[in-house]
């Protein structure tokens, strides 16, 4: 039984890789030729819009993480918030 499973796995994995590559290549060629049906075109447009949105969000995150002035501003704001809390605490007690 284990021998059969091993043989299936040895030949099955490369075959599934070949079929998957062929399927993806055919889809890619179909997409490049512009012969998509309505549902495929709709999915493609949605994915392109999502890609643009994610790209924009990533650029914003890169800006926030890499900008040292924003990091200084964050620490200043935290310090200012702490001062404000301590002042309120002193007033209440």
Protein backbone atom coordinates (compact mmCIF):
# COMPACT_ATOMS: atom_id res chain seq x y z
CA UNK A 1 0.00 0.00 0.00
CA UNK A 2 2.80 2.41 0.88
CA UNK A 3 4.54 1.53 -2.38
CA UNK A 4 1.49 2.55 -4.41
CA UNK A 5 1.20 5.85 -2.55
CA UNK A 6 4.89 6.54 -3.12
CA UNK A 7 4.60 5.82 -6.85
CA UNK A 8 1.50 8.02 -7.16
CA UNK A 9 3.26 10.84 -5.36
CA UNK A 10 6.43 10.51 -7.44
CA UNK A 11 4.53 10.76 -10.72
CA UNK A 12 1.54 12.79 -9.52
CA UNK A 13 3.35 15.86 -8.22
CA UNK A 14 5.26 16.61 -11.44
CA UNK A 15 2.15 15.94 -13.54
CA UNK A 16 0.05 18.30 -11.43
CA UNK A 17 2.79 20.95 -11.73
CA UNK A 18 2.85 20.57 -15.52
CA UNK A 19 -0.96 20.78 -15.79
CA UNK A 20 -1.08 23.79 -13.48
CA UNK A 21 1.63 25.61 -15.44
CA UNK A 22 -0.14 24.86 -18.72
CA UNK A 23 -3.49 26.07 -17.36
CA UNK A 24 -1.98 29.31 -16.04
CA UNK A 25 -0.10 29.89 -19.30
CA UNK A 26 -3.33 29.39 -21.29
CA UNK A 27 -5.21 31.82 -19.02
CA UNK A 28 -2.41 34.36 -19.38
CA UNK A 29 -2.45 34.08 -23.16
CA UNK A 30 -6.24 34.39 -23.20
CA UNK A 31 -6.05 37.49 -21.00
CA UNK A 32 -3.38 39.09 -23.21
CA UNK A 33 -5.40 38.44 -26.35
CA UNK A 34 -8.43 40.17 -24.81
CA UNK A 35 -10.90 37.32 -25.33
CA UNK A 36 -12.26 37.24 -21.78
CA UNK A 37 -15.93 36.63 -21.12
CA UNK A 38 -17.99 38.97 -18.92
CA UNK A 39 -17.39 37.33 -15.56
CA UNK A 40 -13.65 36.99 -16.13
CA UNK A 41 -13.42 40.62 -17.23
CA UNK A 42 -15.32 41.74 -14.12
CA UNK A 43 -13.01 39.74 -11.86
CA UNK A 44 -9.96 41.17 -13.64
CA UNK A 45 -11.18 44.76 -13.20
CA UNK A 46 -11.93 44.16 -9.51
CA UNK A 47 -8.47 42.68 -8.97
CA UNK A 48 -6.82 45.61 -10.74
CA UNK A 49 -8.74 48.09 -8.56
CA UNK A 50 -7.82 46.17 -5.42
CA UNK A 51 -4.19 46.08 -6.53
CA UNK A 52 -4.14 49.87 -6.97
CA UNK A 53 -5.74 50.37 -3.56
CA UNK A 54 -3.24 48.06 -1.86
CA UNK A 55 -0.35 49.76 -3.67
CA UNK A 56 -1.55 53.15 -2.37
CA UNK A 57 -1.88 51.84 1.18
CA UNK A 58 1.59 50.32 1.02
CA UNK A 59 3.09 53.61 -0.16
CA UNK A 60 1.43 55.39 2.78
CA UNK A 61 2.82 52.83 5.21
CA UNK A 62 6.30 53.16 3.72
CA UNK A 63 6.09 56.92 4.12
CA UNK A 64 5.02 56.64 7.74
CA UNK A 65 7.65 54.07 8.67
CA UNK A 66 10.55 55.68 6.86
CA UNK A 67 9.94 59.33 7.76
CA UNK A 68 11.98 60.22 10.83
CA UNK A 69 10.12 63.50 11.35
CA UNK A 70 6.86 61.61 11.76
CA UNK A 71 8.52 59.36 14.32
CA UNK A 72 9.68 62.42 16.26
CA UNK A 73 6.20 63.90 15.99
CA UNK A 74 4.68 60.71 17.37
CA UNK A 75 6.95 60.75 20.41
CA UNK A 76 6.21 64.46 20.93
CA UNK A 77 2.46 63.80 20.74
CA UNK A 78 2.73 60.97 23.24
CA UNK A 79 4.72 63.19 25.57
CA UNK A 80 2.18 66.01 25.19
CA UNK A 81 -0.68 63.56 25.85
CA UNK A 82 1.08 62.37 29.00
CA UNK A 83 1.50 65.95 30.23
CA UNK A 84 -2.16 66.65 29.59
CA UNK A 85 -3.24 63.54 31.51
CA UNK A 86 -1.02 64.37 34.46
CA UNK A 87 -2.38 67.92 34.54
CA UNK A 88 -5.98 66.63 34.54
CA UNK A 89 -5.10 64.17 37.25
CA UNK A 90 -3.61 66.92 39.43
CA UNK A 91 -6.71 69.05 38.94
CA UNK A 92 -9.08 66.24 39.91
CA UNK A 93 -7.19 65.18 43.06
